[in-house]
N, C-alpha and C. Protein backbone atom coordinates (compact mmCIF):
# COMPACT_ATOMS: atom_id res chain seq x y z
N MET A 1 -32.00 -2.28 45.29
CA MET A 1 -33.07 -1.41 44.81
C MET A 1 -32.57 -0.97 43.43
N ALA A 2 -33.52 -0.97 42.49
CA ALA A 2 -33.21 -0.56 41.20
C ALA A 2 -32.65 1.02 41.00
N TYR A 3 -31.84 1.17 40.21
CA TYR A 3 -31.50 2.75 39.92
C TYR A 3 -32.66 3.45 39.24
N ARG A 4 -33.08 4.44 40.06
CA ARG A 4 -34.55 5.07 39.77
C ARG A 4 -34.35 6.42 38.96
N ILE A 5 -35.24 6.63 38.06
CA ILE A 5 -35.07 7.81 37.17
C ILE A 5 -36.46 8.45 37.18
N ALA A 6 -36.47 9.79 37.16
CA ALA A 6 -37.52 10.56 36.89
C ALA A 6 -37.47 11.23 35.56
N VAL A 7 -38.55 11.17 34.83
CA VAL A 7 -38.52 11.66 33.36
C VAL A 7 -39.67 12.87 33.31
N LEU A 8 -39.15 13.89 32.94
CA LEU A 8 -39.91 15.11 32.66
C LEU A 8 -40.24 15.36 31.27
N VAL A 9 -41.52 15.56 30.99
CA VAL A 9 -41.84 15.70 29.59
C VAL A 9 -42.79 16.81 29.38
N SER A 10 -42.91 17.32 28.25
CA SER A 10 -43.93 18.46 27.89
C SER A 10 -44.86 17.95 26.72
N GLY A 11 -44.57 16.91 25.98
CA GLY A 11 -45.23 16.82 24.71
C GLY A 11 -45.50 15.42 24.56
N THR A 12 -45.25 14.69 23.42
CA THR A 12 -45.56 13.51 23.03
C THR A 12 -45.05 12.29 23.88
N GLY A 13 -43.86 12.70 24.48
CA GLY A 13 -43.16 11.52 25.16
C GLY A 13 -42.55 10.52 24.47
N SER A 14 -42.21 10.68 23.22
CA SER A 14 -41.56 9.53 22.42
C SER A 14 -40.35 9.12 23.16
N LEU A 15 -39.57 10.04 23.73
CA LEU A 15 -38.21 9.63 24.33
C LEU A 15 -38.51 8.85 25.62
N LEU A 16 -39.61 9.19 26.32
CA LEU A 16 -40.07 8.41 27.52
C LEU A 16 -40.57 7.12 27.06
N GLN A 17 -41.18 7.02 25.90
CA GLN A 17 -41.59 5.69 25.45
C GLN A 17 -40.48 4.57 25.15
N ALA A 18 -39.38 5.24 24.68
CA ALA A 18 -38.19 4.45 24.35
C ALA A 18 -37.70 3.93 25.74
N LEU A 19 -37.70 4.73 26.75
CA LEU A 19 -37.26 4.26 28.12
C LEU A 19 -38.22 3.18 28.49
N LEU A 20 -39.42 3.39 28.43
CA LEU A 20 -40.31 2.42 28.96
C LEU A 20 -40.32 1.11 28.23
N ASP A 21 -40.27 1.07 26.89
CA ASP A 21 -40.02 -0.07 25.95
C ASP A 21 -38.84 -0.92 26.37
N ALA A 22 -37.84 -0.17 26.74
CA ALA A 22 -36.62 -0.90 27.12
C ALA A 22 -36.74 -1.43 28.45
N GLN A 23 -37.37 -0.81 29.35
CA GLN A 23 -37.59 -1.25 30.64
C GLN A 23 -38.49 -2.55 30.35
N SER A 24 -39.59 -2.49 29.71
CA SER A 24 -40.44 -3.53 29.61
C SER A 24 -39.62 -4.90 28.96
N ALA A 25 -38.72 -4.64 28.08
CA ALA A 25 -38.01 -5.70 27.39
C ALA A 25 -36.87 -6.17 28.25
N GLY A 26 -36.61 -5.49 29.40
CA GLY A 26 -35.56 -6.03 30.22
C GLY A 26 -34.18 -5.50 29.73
N GLU A 27 -34.09 -4.35 29.02
CA GLU A 27 -33.13 -3.68 28.38
C GLU A 27 -32.59 -2.41 29.09
N LEU A 28 -33.28 -2.04 30.02
CA LEU A 28 -33.00 -0.85 30.79
C LEU A 28 -32.52 -1.28 32.28
N GLN A 29 -31.47 -0.83 32.47
CA GLN A 29 -30.77 -1.27 33.85
C GLN A 29 -31.42 -0.13 34.75
N ALA A 30 -32.57 0.35 34.85
CA ALA A 30 -33.20 1.28 35.56
C ALA A 30 -34.57 1.19 35.68
N GLN A 31 -35.38 1.91 36.53
CA GLN A 31 -36.56 1.80 36.73
C GLN A 31 -37.24 3.25 36.63
N VAL A 32 -38.17 3.36 35.55
CA VAL A 32 -38.85 4.65 35.59
C VAL A 32 -39.86 4.96 36.70
N ALA A 33 -39.30 5.87 37.76
CA ALA A 33 -40.03 5.77 38.95
C ALA A 33 -41.13 6.75 39.04
N VAL A 34 -41.04 7.79 38.19
CA VAL A 34 -41.97 8.93 38.26
C VAL A 34 -41.94 9.72 36.86
N VAL A 35 -43.12 10.19 36.29
CA VAL A 35 -42.88 11.05 35.17
C VAL A 35 -43.84 12.24 35.43
N GLY A 36 -43.18 13.43 35.22
CA GLY A 36 -43.88 14.77 35.52
C GLY A 36 -43.67 15.54 34.17
N SER A 37 -44.73 16.55 34.25
CA SER A 37 -44.85 17.31 33.16
C SER A 37 -45.53 18.74 33.57
N ASP A 38 -45.06 19.70 32.79
CA ASP A 38 -45.55 21.10 32.92
C ASP A 38 -46.83 21.32 32.34
N THR A 39 -47.52 20.49 31.69
CA THR A 39 -48.82 20.47 31.00
C THR A 39 -49.68 19.35 31.16
N ALA A 40 -50.90 19.55 31.50
CA ALA A 40 -51.75 18.37 31.80
C ALA A 40 -52.17 17.62 30.56
N THR A 41 -51.94 18.20 29.36
CA THR A 41 -52.45 17.54 28.24
C THR A 41 -51.22 16.80 27.57
N ALA A 42 -50.14 16.73 28.14
CA ALA A 42 -48.95 16.09 27.53
C ALA A 42 -49.24 14.62 27.24
N GLN A 43 -48.97 14.18 26.05
CA GLN A 43 -49.29 12.76 25.71
C GLN A 43 -48.33 11.80 26.74
N GLY A 44 -47.01 12.22 26.85
CA GLY A 44 -46.31 11.46 27.72
C GLY A 44 -46.81 11.00 29.03
N LEU A 45 -47.82 11.74 29.48
CA LEU A 45 -48.39 11.43 30.74
C LEU A 45 -49.34 10.18 30.61
N ALA A 46 -49.99 10.16 29.60
CA ALA A 46 -50.88 8.96 29.09
C ALA A 46 -49.99 7.75 29.01
N ARG A 47 -48.87 7.93 28.37
CA ARG A 47 -47.79 6.80 28.12
C ARG A 47 -47.38 6.18 29.48
N ALA A 48 -47.07 7.18 30.58
CA ALA A 48 -46.66 6.76 31.68
C ALA A 48 -47.83 6.03 32.51
N GLU A 49 -49.09 6.59 32.40
CA GLU A 49 -50.07 6.00 33.16
C GLU A 49 -50.54 4.55 32.57
N ARG A 50 -50.16 4.45 31.17
CA ARG A 50 -50.43 3.01 30.60
C ARG A 50 -49.40 2.05 31.14
N ALA A 51 -48.34 2.52 31.40
CA ALA A 51 -47.07 1.60 31.81
C ALA A 51 -47.22 1.50 33.56
N GLY A 52 -48.21 2.10 34.04
CA GLY A 52 -48.32 1.99 35.48
C GLY A 52 -47.32 2.70 36.33
N VAL A 53 -46.86 3.90 35.69
CA VAL A 53 -45.87 4.64 36.46
C VAL A 53 -46.61 5.98 36.92
N PRO A 54 -46.30 6.38 38.14
CA PRO A 54 -46.76 7.54 38.85
C PRO A 54 -46.62 8.67 37.97
N THR A 55 -47.46 9.75 38.02
CA THR A 55 -47.25 11.00 37.38
C THR A 55 -47.71 12.15 38.23
N PHE A 56 -47.03 13.34 37.88
CA PHE A 56 -47.59 14.58 38.40
C PHE A 56 -47.61 15.72 37.24
N VAL A 57 -48.39 16.83 37.51
CA VAL A 57 -48.47 17.94 36.61
C VAL A 57 -48.12 19.12 37.35
N HIS A 58 -47.04 19.95 36.96
CA HIS A 58 -46.76 21.09 37.70
C HIS A 58 -46.61 22.15 36.57
N SER A 59 -47.85 22.80 36.43
CA SER A 59 -47.87 23.85 35.43
C SER A 59 -47.12 25.19 35.91
N TYR A 60 -46.67 25.92 34.84
CA TYR A 60 -46.08 27.18 34.87
C TYR A 60 -46.94 28.20 34.05
N ARG A 61 -47.48 29.37 34.59
CA ARG A 61 -48.16 30.26 33.90
C ARG A 61 -47.34 31.44 33.86
N THR A 62 -47.47 32.24 32.79
CA THR A 62 -46.74 33.55 32.75
C THR A 62 -47.02 34.44 34.01
N GLY A 63 -46.16 34.96 34.51
CA GLY A 63 -46.30 35.77 35.73
C GLY A 63 -46.28 35.09 37.00
N ASP A 64 -46.15 33.64 37.07
CA ASP A 64 -45.86 33.03 38.24
C ASP A 64 -44.41 33.02 38.83
N ASP A 65 -44.38 33.00 40.16
CA ASP A 65 -43.05 33.05 40.69
C ASP A 65 -42.02 31.97 40.29
N ARG A 66 -41.20 32.38 39.31
CA ARG A 66 -40.27 31.27 38.73
C ARG A 66 -39.49 30.43 39.82
N ALA A 67 -38.99 31.23 40.81
CA ALA A 67 -38.13 30.56 41.73
C ALA A 67 -39.03 29.56 42.69
N ALA A 68 -40.24 29.95 42.94
CA ALA A 68 -41.21 29.19 43.66
C ALA A 68 -41.58 27.94 42.93
N TRP A 69 -41.76 28.07 41.58
CA TRP A 69 -42.05 27.14 40.69
C TRP A 69 -41.06 25.97 40.82
N ASP A 70 -39.73 26.44 40.71
CA ASP A 70 -38.55 25.64 40.64
C ASP A 70 -38.46 24.79 41.84
N GLU A 71 -38.55 25.49 42.95
CA GLU A 71 -38.59 24.83 44.28
C GLU A 71 -39.61 23.79 44.44
N ALA A 72 -40.80 24.03 43.87
CA ALA A 72 -41.89 22.90 44.14
C ALA A 72 -41.63 21.70 43.05
N LEU A 73 -40.97 22.13 41.84
CA LEU A 73 -40.59 20.97 40.94
C LEU A 73 -39.52 20.00 41.71
N THR A 74 -38.59 20.69 42.51
CA THR A 74 -37.64 20.07 43.05
C THR A 74 -38.21 19.03 44.11
N ALA A 75 -39.11 19.63 44.83
CA ALA A 75 -39.72 18.76 45.79
C ALA A 75 -40.53 17.61 45.33
N LEU A 76 -41.22 17.92 44.19
CA LEU A 76 -42.08 16.89 43.41
C LEU A 76 -41.16 15.69 43.13
N VAL A 77 -40.01 15.99 42.57
CA VAL A 77 -39.15 15.02 41.95
C VAL A 77 -38.53 14.26 43.14
N ALA A 78 -38.11 15.02 44.18
CA ALA A 78 -37.24 14.55 45.18
C ALA A 78 -38.15 13.53 46.07
N ALA A 79 -39.47 13.68 46.11
CA ALA A 79 -40.28 12.91 46.82
C ALA A 79 -40.30 11.34 46.38
N HIS A 80 -39.58 11.10 45.03
CA HIS A 80 -39.74 9.75 44.66
C HIS A 80 -38.30 9.14 44.63
N ASP A 81 -37.29 9.82 45.40
CA ASP A 81 -35.97 9.10 45.77
C ASP A 81 -35.39 8.59 44.42
N VAL A 82 -35.16 9.54 43.58
CA VAL A 82 -34.66 9.29 42.27
C VAL A 82 -33.18 9.33 42.15
N ASP A 83 -32.33 8.66 41.34
CA ASP A 83 -30.92 8.71 41.25
C ASP A 83 -30.65 9.62 40.07
N LEU A 84 -31.53 9.87 39.11
CA LEU A 84 -31.24 10.58 37.78
C LEU A 84 -32.52 11.22 37.29
N VAL A 85 -32.40 12.43 36.73
CA VAL A 85 -33.58 12.96 36.16
C VAL A 85 -33.22 13.21 34.62
N VAL A 86 -34.17 12.76 34.04
CA VAL A 86 -34.09 12.81 32.34
C VAL A 86 -35.28 13.87 31.94
N LEU A 87 -34.46 14.89 31.22
CA LEU A 87 -35.50 15.85 30.58
C LEU A 87 -35.74 15.37 29.20
N ALA A 88 -36.93 14.94 28.79
CA ALA A 88 -37.24 14.28 27.57
C ALA A 88 -38.20 15.01 26.87
N GLY A 89 -37.78 16.21 26.25
CA GLY A 89 -38.70 17.03 25.66
C GLY A 89 -39.37 17.90 26.64
N PHE A 90 -38.76 18.14 27.73
CA PHE A 90 -39.29 19.11 28.84
C PHE A 90 -38.94 20.48 28.42
N MET A 91 -40.00 21.41 28.12
CA MET A 91 -39.73 22.70 27.51
C MET A 91 -39.47 23.82 28.41
N LYS A 92 -39.29 23.48 29.65
CA LYS A 92 -38.91 24.55 30.64
C LYS A 92 -37.61 24.43 31.12
N LEU A 93 -36.86 25.41 31.48
CA LEU A 93 -35.47 25.39 32.05
C LEU A 93 -35.78 25.11 33.52
N VAL A 94 -34.80 24.29 34.08
CA VAL A 94 -34.73 23.98 35.42
C VAL A 94 -33.91 25.26 35.97
N GLY A 95 -34.21 25.49 37.29
CA GLY A 95 -33.43 26.72 37.82
C GLY A 95 -32.60 26.12 38.94
N PRO A 96 -32.06 27.35 39.85
CA PRO A 96 -31.06 27.14 40.76
C PRO A 96 -31.45 26.00 41.92
N ALA A 97 -32.67 26.10 42.41
CA ALA A 97 -33.04 24.99 43.34
C ALA A 97 -32.77 23.63 42.84
N PHE A 98 -33.36 23.47 41.63
CA PHE A 98 -33.35 22.10 41.14
C PHE A 98 -31.97 21.57 40.83
N LEU A 99 -31.14 22.61 40.33
CA LEU A 99 -29.76 22.15 39.99
C LEU A 99 -29.00 21.93 41.36
N ALA A 100 -29.38 22.75 42.44
CA ALA A 100 -28.69 22.47 43.71
C ALA A 100 -28.93 21.11 44.22
N ARG A 101 -30.08 20.65 43.96
CA ARG A 101 -30.55 19.19 44.36
C ARG A 101 -30.07 18.08 43.39
N PHE A 102 -30.27 18.40 42.01
CA PHE A 102 -30.18 17.27 41.10
C PHE A 102 -29.03 17.63 40.06
N GLY A 103 -28.28 18.73 40.35
CA GLY A 103 -27.12 19.06 39.47
C GLY A 103 -26.06 17.76 39.50
N GLY A 104 -25.51 17.57 38.22
CA GLY A 104 -24.71 16.40 38.16
C GLY A 104 -25.42 15.11 37.88
N ARG A 105 -26.78 14.98 38.06
CA ARG A 105 -27.46 13.93 37.79
C ARG A 105 -28.82 14.26 37.14
N THR A 106 -28.74 15.20 36.21
CA THR A 106 -29.90 15.46 35.35
C THR A 106 -29.34 15.67 33.90
N ILE A 107 -29.97 15.04 33.02
CA ILE A 107 -29.45 14.88 31.75
C ILE A 107 -30.57 15.34 30.83
N ASN A 108 -30.19 15.67 29.54
CA ASN A 108 -31.14 16.22 28.50
C ASN A 108 -30.54 15.74 27.17
N THR A 109 -31.37 15.72 26.07
CA THR A 109 -30.96 15.27 24.85
C THR A 109 -31.17 16.60 23.83
N HIS A 110 -30.28 16.51 22.81
CA HIS A 110 -30.31 17.69 22.02
C HIS A 110 -30.18 17.14 20.47
N PRO A 111 -31.03 17.52 19.47
CA PRO A 111 -30.90 17.05 18.25
C PRO A 111 -29.85 17.67 17.32
N ALA A 112 -28.61 17.66 17.69
CA ALA A 112 -27.39 18.13 16.95
C ALA A 112 -26.09 17.72 17.88
N LEU A 113 -25.11 17.64 17.23
CA LEU A 113 -23.87 17.42 17.80
C LEU A 113 -23.20 18.52 18.49
N LEU A 114 -23.51 18.71 19.68
CA LEU A 114 -23.17 20.16 20.61
C LEU A 114 -21.61 20.02 20.59
N PRO A 115 -21.01 21.06 20.62
CA PRO A 115 -21.61 22.44 20.84
C PRO A 115 -22.07 23.16 19.68
N SER A 116 -22.21 22.33 18.44
CA SER A 116 -22.67 22.91 17.27
C SER A 116 -24.30 22.95 17.37
N PHE A 117 -24.77 24.14 16.88
CA PHE A 117 -26.23 24.26 16.76
C PHE A 117 -27.17 24.13 18.13
N PRO A 118 -26.66 24.87 18.97
CA PRO A 118 -27.49 24.72 20.25
C PRO A 118 -28.96 25.64 20.02
N GLY A 119 -29.66 25.44 21.09
CA GLY A 119 -30.97 26.11 21.09
C GLY A 119 -32.29 25.25 20.45
N MET A 120 -33.13 25.93 20.04
CA MET A 120 -34.50 25.25 19.69
C MET A 120 -34.55 24.60 18.30
N HIS A 121 -33.45 24.99 17.45
CA HIS A 121 -33.59 24.61 15.97
C HIS A 121 -32.43 23.92 15.46
N GLY A 122 -32.00 22.84 16.00
CA GLY A 122 -30.74 22.19 15.73
C GLY A 122 -30.87 21.60 14.27
N PRO A 123 -31.93 20.77 13.90
CA PRO A 123 -31.87 20.30 12.64
C PRO A 123 -31.99 21.37 11.46
N ARG A 124 -32.93 22.44 11.65
CA ARG A 124 -33.00 23.58 10.71
C ARG A 124 -31.59 24.22 10.69
N ASP A 125 -30.99 24.45 11.59
CA ASP A 125 -29.64 25.26 11.70
C ASP A 125 -28.56 24.36 10.98
N ALA A 126 -28.71 23.03 11.16
CA ALA A 126 -27.71 22.08 10.45
C ALA A 126 -27.84 22.19 8.98
N LEU A 127 -29.23 22.14 8.42
CA LEU A 127 -29.33 22.32 7.01
C LEU A 127 -28.92 23.70 6.49
N ALA A 128 -29.24 24.67 7.25
CA ALA A 128 -28.89 25.99 6.78
C ALA A 128 -27.47 26.16 6.62
N HIS A 129 -26.67 25.52 7.53
CA HIS A 129 -25.23 25.84 7.43
C HIS A 129 -24.51 24.72 6.35
N GLY A 130 -25.35 23.64 5.92
CA GLY A 130 -24.86 22.94 4.72
C GLY A 130 -23.97 21.84 5.23
N VAL A 131 -24.02 21.51 6.55
CA VAL A 131 -23.29 20.35 7.09
C VAL A 131 -23.56 18.92 6.67
N LYS A 132 -22.61 18.13 6.32
CA LYS A 132 -22.94 16.80 5.90
C LYS A 132 -23.16 15.62 7.01
N ILE A 133 -22.83 16.01 8.11
CA ILE A 133 -23.15 15.28 9.47
C ILE A 133 -23.65 16.08 10.50
N THR A 134 -24.64 15.60 11.21
CA THR A 134 -25.04 16.20 12.31
C THR A 134 -25.49 15.07 13.18
N GLY A 135 -26.47 15.13 14.12
CA GLY A 135 -26.66 14.03 15.13
C GLY A 135 -27.35 14.31 16.25
N THR A 136 -26.96 13.74 17.36
CA THR A 136 -27.88 13.97 18.72
C THR A 136 -26.80 13.91 19.83
N THR A 137 -27.04 14.55 20.90
CA THR A 137 -26.09 14.70 21.96
C THR A 137 -26.97 14.28 23.33
N VAL A 138 -26.46 13.56 24.24
CA VAL A 138 -26.97 13.53 25.57
C VAL A 138 -25.89 14.21 26.49
N PHE A 139 -26.51 15.07 27.18
CA PHE A 139 -25.49 16.09 27.93
C PHE A 139 -26.04 16.27 29.35
N GLU A 140 -25.25 16.62 30.36
CA GLU A 140 -25.67 16.78 31.69
C GLU A 140 -26.12 18.34 31.81
N VAL A 141 -27.27 18.49 32.49
CA VAL A 141 -27.78 19.82 32.36
C VAL A 141 -26.96 20.75 33.46
N ASP A 142 -26.82 21.87 33.03
CA ASP A 142 -26.25 23.03 33.97
C ASP A 142 -27.13 24.28 33.80
N ALA A 143 -26.58 25.32 34.26
CA ALA A 143 -27.44 26.55 34.39
C ALA A 143 -27.55 27.36 32.95
N GLY A 144 -26.70 26.84 32.11
CA GLY A 144 -26.86 27.40 30.76
C GLY A 144 -27.82 26.70 29.89
N VAL A 145 -27.88 27.03 28.55
CA VAL A 145 -28.77 26.48 27.45
C VAL A 145 -27.89 25.57 26.58
N ASP A 146 -28.09 24.40 26.72
CA ASP A 146 -27.25 23.22 25.84
C ASP A 146 -25.81 23.32 26.08
N THR A 147 -25.24 23.72 27.40
CA THR A 147 -23.96 24.01 27.66
C THR A 147 -23.17 22.85 28.40
N GLY A 148 -24.00 21.93 28.96
CA GLY A 148 -23.47 21.14 29.94
C GLY A 148 -22.51 20.04 29.48
N ARG A 149 -21.83 19.32 30.35
CA ARG A 149 -20.90 18.22 29.86
C ARG A 149 -21.47 17.40 28.98
N ILE A 150 -20.81 17.05 27.99
CA ILE A 150 -21.29 16.05 26.86
C ILE A 150 -20.91 14.59 27.33
N LEU A 151 -22.19 13.70 27.50
CA LEU A 151 -22.03 12.50 27.96
C LEU A 151 -21.82 11.48 26.87
N ALA A 152 -22.51 11.74 25.81
CA ALA A 152 -22.64 10.79 24.64
C ALA A 152 -23.07 11.46 23.27
N GLN A 153 -22.75 11.02 22.31
CA GLN A 153 -23.05 11.65 20.88
C GLN A 153 -23.33 10.50 19.83
N HIS A 154 -24.19 10.68 18.99
CA HIS A 154 -24.40 9.74 17.92
C HIS A 154 -24.39 10.48 16.51
N ALA A 155 -23.66 10.29 15.56
CA ALA A 155 -23.60 11.03 14.23
C ALA A 155 -24.85 10.56 13.22
N VAL A 156 -25.45 11.51 12.65
CA VAL A 156 -26.47 11.07 11.61
C VAL A 156 -26.08 11.93 10.42
N PRO A 157 -26.01 11.29 9.32
CA PRO A 157 -25.65 12.01 8.05
C PRO A 157 -26.77 12.84 7.55
N VAL A 158 -26.51 13.94 6.82
CA VAL A 158 -27.54 14.67 6.19
C VAL A 158 -27.62 14.30 4.84
N LEU A 159 -28.63 13.75 4.39
CA LEU A 159 -28.93 13.30 2.88
C LEU A 159 -29.35 14.29 2.08
N ALA A 160 -28.96 14.02 0.65
CA ALA A 160 -29.39 14.98 -0.30
C ALA A 160 -31.01 15.07 -0.37
N GLY A 161 -31.60 16.27 -0.45
CA GLY A 161 -33.11 16.37 -0.40
C GLY A 161 -33.66 16.25 0.99
N ASP A 162 -32.84 16.36 2.09
CA ASP A 162 -33.33 16.31 3.46
C ASP A 162 -34.23 17.57 3.71
N THR A 163 -35.22 17.55 4.39
CA THR A 163 -36.03 18.66 4.86
C THR A 163 -35.80 18.73 6.44
N VAL A 164 -36.19 19.76 7.04
CA VAL A 164 -36.06 19.66 8.49
C VAL A 164 -36.73 18.57 8.99
N ASP A 165 -38.08 18.19 8.49
CA ASP A 165 -38.63 17.08 9.18
C ASP A 165 -38.04 15.86 8.91
N THR A 166 -37.60 15.65 7.73
CA THR A 166 -36.84 14.20 7.39
C THR A 166 -35.66 14.06 8.16
N LEU A 167 -34.85 15.07 8.27
CA LEU A 167 -33.64 15.06 9.08
C LEU A 167 -33.93 14.69 10.60
N HIS A 168 -34.90 15.64 11.06
CA HIS A 168 -35.20 15.41 12.42
C HIS A 168 -35.69 14.15 12.72
N GLU A 169 -36.61 13.57 11.92
CA GLU A 169 -37.10 12.10 12.21
C GLU A 169 -35.97 11.22 12.35
N ARG A 170 -34.89 11.13 11.46
CA ARG A 170 -33.82 10.26 11.59
C ARG A 170 -32.97 10.61 12.81
N ILE A 171 -32.85 11.81 13.14
CA ILE A 171 -32.22 12.25 14.54
C ILE A 171 -32.86 11.62 15.72
N LYS A 172 -34.14 11.70 15.70
CA LYS A 172 -35.03 11.18 16.73
C LYS A 172 -34.90 9.56 17.06
N VAL A 173 -34.68 9.12 15.86
CA VAL A 173 -34.41 7.42 16.04
C VAL A 173 -33.09 7.23 16.80
N ALA A 174 -32.14 8.10 16.26
CA ALA A 174 -30.84 7.88 17.15
C ALA A 174 -30.90 8.30 18.42
N GLU A 175 -31.66 9.39 18.72
CA GLU A 175 -31.73 10.05 20.00
C GLU A 175 -32.31 9.06 21.02
N ARG A 176 -33.40 8.27 20.71
CA ARG A 176 -33.92 7.44 21.50
C ARG A 176 -33.06 6.13 21.98
N ALA A 177 -32.39 5.75 20.89
CA ALA A 177 -31.26 4.69 21.22
C ALA A 177 -30.21 5.10 22.10
N LEU A 178 -29.73 6.37 21.84
CA LEU A 178 -28.57 6.83 22.61
C LEU A 178 -29.08 7.15 24.10
N LEU A 179 -30.23 7.69 24.27
CA LEU A 179 -30.70 7.98 25.62
C LEU A 179 -30.73 6.64 26.45
N VAL A 180 -31.27 5.66 25.94
CA VAL A 180 -31.37 4.35 26.58
C VAL A 180 -29.94 3.88 27.01
N HIS A 181 -29.04 3.85 25.94
CA HIS A 181 -27.57 3.54 26.06
C HIS A 181 -26.96 4.30 27.25
N THR A 182 -27.21 5.76 27.25
CA THR A 182 -26.63 6.58 28.27
C THR A 182 -27.16 6.29 29.64
N VAL A 183 -28.50 6.04 29.85
CA VAL A 183 -29.04 5.61 31.13
C VAL A 183 -28.46 4.47 31.65
N ASN A 184 -28.25 3.57 30.77
CA ASN A 184 -27.61 2.26 31.00
C ASN A 184 -26.21 2.47 31.59
N ASP A 185 -25.42 3.34 30.89
CA ASP A 185 -24.06 3.62 31.31
C ASP A 185 -24.12 4.18 32.69
N LEU A 186 -24.75 5.18 32.92
CA LEU A 186 -24.87 5.78 34.24
C LEU A 186 -25.43 4.93 35.19
N ALA A 187 -26.28 4.13 34.88
CA ALA A 187 -26.80 3.10 36.02
C ALA A 187 -25.60 2.12 36.47
N SER A 188 -24.85 1.82 35.41
CA SER A 188 -23.89 0.82 35.61
C SER A 188 -22.65 1.39 36.61
N LEU A 189 -22.65 2.70 36.78
CA LEU A 189 -21.67 3.27 37.51
C LEU A 189 -22.09 3.62 38.83
N HIS A 190 -23.37 3.36 39.07
CA HIS A 190 -24.02 3.77 40.29
C HIS A 190 -23.92 2.77 41.45
N PRO A 191 -23.58 3.02 42.80
CA PRO A 191 -23.74 2.07 43.69
C PRO A 191 -24.80 1.08 43.76
N ARG A 192 -26.04 1.51 43.58
CA ARG A 192 -27.17 0.64 43.42
C ARG A 192 -27.14 -0.44 42.48
N ALA A 193 -26.21 -0.42 41.30
CA ALA A 193 -26.19 -1.23 40.37
C ALA A 193 -25.49 -2.42 40.74
N ALA A 194 -24.52 -2.36 41.80
CA ALA A 194 -23.82 -3.44 42.50
C ALA A 194 -24.86 -4.16 43.21
N GLN A 195 -25.94 -3.59 43.86
CA GLN A 195 -26.86 -4.31 44.75
C GLN A 195 -27.96 -5.19 43.95
N GLY A 196 -27.99 -4.93 42.60
CA GLY A 196 -28.97 -5.70 41.89
C GLY A 196 -30.26 -4.90 41.94
N ASP A 197 -31.33 -5.64 41.66
CA ASP A 197 -32.66 -4.99 41.65
C ASP A 197 -33.53 -5.37 42.87
N SER A 198 -32.83 -5.76 43.95
CA SER A 198 -33.62 -6.19 45.15
C SER A 198 -34.20 -4.95 45.78
C-alpha cells in the first residue's frame, strides 16, 4: 500500500496542487488519499475533485463546540486510513483529540525560518525587522502555534525593493518544493515504503 496522506486546506490550495502535480509526475512517494476543508468555497476542494481525490467539508461557525468540532474532524480524517496529515493553508488550529490521534504525524508549513517570525505575518515581520535572509519551514504540529519540531527549512533571500507580496511569492515557490521533499522524506522512513505501492 502507498503511504497515504490527508491534506487540509482553507483557501486556494496551491500547496495541495504542488503535491498533486508531484504525484501525477511520479515524483511523490505518497498518495493524496483525501482533501478536507473548513470552508465549502475553498478552491483547494475543486483542485482535489479535478484530480479524482475524495473530499469533505467540515465547517466551524463562531459559537460551535470546538471540542466536538475537533473530534469530528479527527473521525473524518481517520476514516481514510492515512499515515500523514498535511495542513496546507488550513486556517484552523487542530485540538487535543486530533493531536491524540495524529500527533507526531501532522505537519504544517510556515513562511519564515522558525523560530523567527511565527504567527500570521511571517513575510511582513521579516521585512519589518530588516533581515537579509528569511525562508520557509516545514514543522511537526503540536499544541502551540508554530512551535513544533522543525523538520526542514529552505532559505530565501530578501531582495532590495521587496514588498510583502513579492517576498511572499518567492517564499511560496520554495515552500511548495520543500513540502514535496519533506513528504517524500517521511514516506521513505515509513514501513509502507518498504512494501512498495502494492
